Amino acid sequence: MRRVSPRGLKLGILISTRPGTAGFVHGLRLAEAALSEGLEVYLYCIDDAVHGVSDAGLQTLRARGLRLFACAYGAQRRGIPRTDLATFAGLTLLNDLIGGTDRFVSFNSAAAAPAP
């Protein structure tokens, strides 16, 4: 069997967890691996992940071609200023990413189980 190259495919990643959490780290590792394989990678930080826009690892991936987006509303609510470290946009852009990528995955924090 011949291996099909993923080069040129588009991967969308949504991260909603704070930097340093397992979800944030796994999202960055997936983005790194996908970039290494030649995929176009679009990463959208929402909720607590907007704290990670200035993360050194994320910015290194951005320098390698990662297209980085952050939720403008989430940043505003958390007092994070808009900078040129990411493109700050709303949920309409996120919707476009979901529809315009070949695969889309998300890394979210586990919700607490409801009380019995």
Protein backbone atom coordinates (compact mmCIF):
# COMPACT_ATOMS: atom_id res chain seq x y z
CA MET A 1 0.00 0.00 0.00
CA ARG A 2 1.23 3.43 -0.90
CA ARG A 3 1.13 6.14 1.75
CA VAL A 4 -0.94 9.15 0.75
CA SER A 5 0.72 12.44 1.58
CA PRO A 6 -1.28 14.83 3.75
CA ARG A 7 0.66 17.77 2.26
CA GLY A 8 -1.73 20.59 1.44
CA LEU A 9 -4.61 19.31 3.58
CA LYS A 10 -6.10 21.77 6.05
CA LEU A 11 -6.35 21.01 9.76
CA GLY A 12 -8.39 23.16 12.12
CA ILE A 13 -7.70 23.09 15.85
CA LEU A 14 -9.79 24.70 18.59
CA ILE A 15 -8.30 25.06 22.07
CA SER A 16 -10.34 26.32 25.01
CA THR A 17 -8.06 25.43 27.94
CA ARG A 18 -5.43 27.51 29.71
CA PRO A 19 -1.76 27.31 28.73
CA GLY A 20 0.00 24.56 30.65
CA THR A 21 -3.03 22.27 30.75
CA ALA A 22 -2.98 18.91 29.00
CA GLY A 23 -5.45 20.10 26.36
CA PHE A 24 -3.38 23.15 25.47
CA VAL A 25 -0.15 21.15 25.28
CA HIS A 26 -1.76 18.37 23.20
CA GLY A 27 -3.22 20.94 20.81
CA LEU A 28 0.21 22.50 20.28
CA ARG A 29 1.82 19.08 19.76
CA LEU A 30 -0.78 18.17 17.16
CA ALA A 31 -0.23 21.49 15.39
CA GLU A 32 3.53 20.93 15.41
CA ALA A 33 3.23 17.40 13.99
CA ALA A 34 0.78 18.55 11.32
CA LEU A 35 3.03 21.41 10.23
CA SER A 36 5.95 18.97 10.02
CA GLU A 37 3.88 16.78 7.69
CA GLY A 38 3.09 19.71 5.41
CA LEU A 39 -0.50 20.41 6.43
CA GLU A 40 -1.95 23.90 6.58
CA VAL A 41 -2.84 24.41 10.25
CA TYR A 42 -5.41 26.86 11.58
CA LEU A 43 -5.56 27.21 15.37
CA TYR A 44 -8.31 29.14 17.17
CA CYS A 45 -7.91 30.00 20.87
CA ILE A 46 -11.19 30.55 22.71
CA ASP A 47 -12.19 30.94 26.36
CA ASP A 48 -9.19 30.45 28.69
CA ALA A 49 -6.88 29.58 25.79
CA VAL A 50 -6.72 33.28 24.83
CA HIS A 51 -4.26 33.59 27.72
CA GLY A 52 -1.86 31.51 25.60
CA VAL A 53 -1.66 33.74 22.54
CA SER A 54 1.75 35.01 23.67
CA ASP A 55 2.95 31.48 24.60
CA ALA A 56 6.48 30.99 23.23
CA GLY A 57 5.67 27.55 21.81
CA LEU A 58 2.60 28.86 20.04
CA GLN A 59 4.52 31.80 18.60
CA THR A 60 7.27 29.44 17.39
CA LEU A 61 4.63 27.43 15.52
CA ARG A 62 3.22 30.66 14.13
CA ALA A 63 6.67 31.51 12.76
CA ARG A 64 6.64 28.08 11.05
CA GLY A 65 3.37 28.85 9.26
CA LEU A 66 0.63 28.21 11.82
CA ARG A 67 -2.34 30.48 11.23
CA LEU A 68 -3.27 31.68 14.70
CA PHE A 69 -6.62 33.16 15.66
CA ALA A 70 -8.03 34.21 19.02
CA CYS A 71 -11.54 35.00 20.17
CA ALA A 72 -11.82 38.79 20.37
CA TYR A 73 -14.70 38.63 22.85
CA GLY A 74 -12.88 36.12 25.08
CA ALA A 75 -9.80 38.34 25.12
CA GLN A 76 -11.85 41.43 25.95
CA ARG A 77 -13.63 39.65 28.83
CA ARG A 78 -10.29 38.55 30.26
CA GLY A 79 -8.58 41.94 29.88
CA ILE A 80 -6.13 40.65 27.28
CA PRO A 81 -5.17 43.38 24.81
CA ARG A 82 -5.38 42.72 21.08
CA THR A 83 -1.91 42.50 19.60
CA ASP A 84 -0.38 41.36 16.36
CA LEU A 85 0.51 37.97 17.93
CA ALA A 86 -2.77 36.54 16.56
CA THR A 87 -5.70 37.55 14.42
CA PHE A 88 -8.50 38.43 16.83
CA ALA A 89 -11.88 37.52 15.41
CA GLY A 90 -15.33 36.29 16.31
CA LEU A 91 -17.25 33.08 16.04
CA THR A 92 -18.10 33.70 12.38
CA LEU A 93 -14.46 33.11 11.53
CA LEU A 94 -14.44 29.98 13.69
CA ASN A 95 -17.46 28.74 11.76
CA ASP A 96 -15.58 29.35 8.50
CA LEU A 97 -12.60 27.38 9.83
CA ILE A 98 -14.82 24.45 10.79
CA GLY A 99 -16.39 24.40 7.35
CA GLY A 100 -13.22 25.13 5.39
CA THR A 101 -10.82 22.55 6.81
CA ASP A 102 -10.45 18.89 5.92
CA ARG A 103 -10.39 17.89 9.60
CA PHE A 104 -11.29 19.85 12.72
CA VAL A 105 -10.49 18.86 16.30
CA SER A 106 -10.93 20.56 19.65
CA PHE A 107 -9.17 20.38 22.99
CA ASN A 108 -11.43 21.31 25.88
CA SER A 109 -11.29 20.97 29.63
CA ALA A 110 -13.27 18.14 31.11
CA ALA A 111 -16.50 19.40 32.60
CA ALA A 112 -17.09 18.62 36.22
CA ALA A 113 -19.59 15.86 36.77
CA PRO A 114 -22.94 17.14 38.02
CA ALA A 115 -23.73 16.54 41.65
CA PRO A 116 -25.99 13.50 42.24
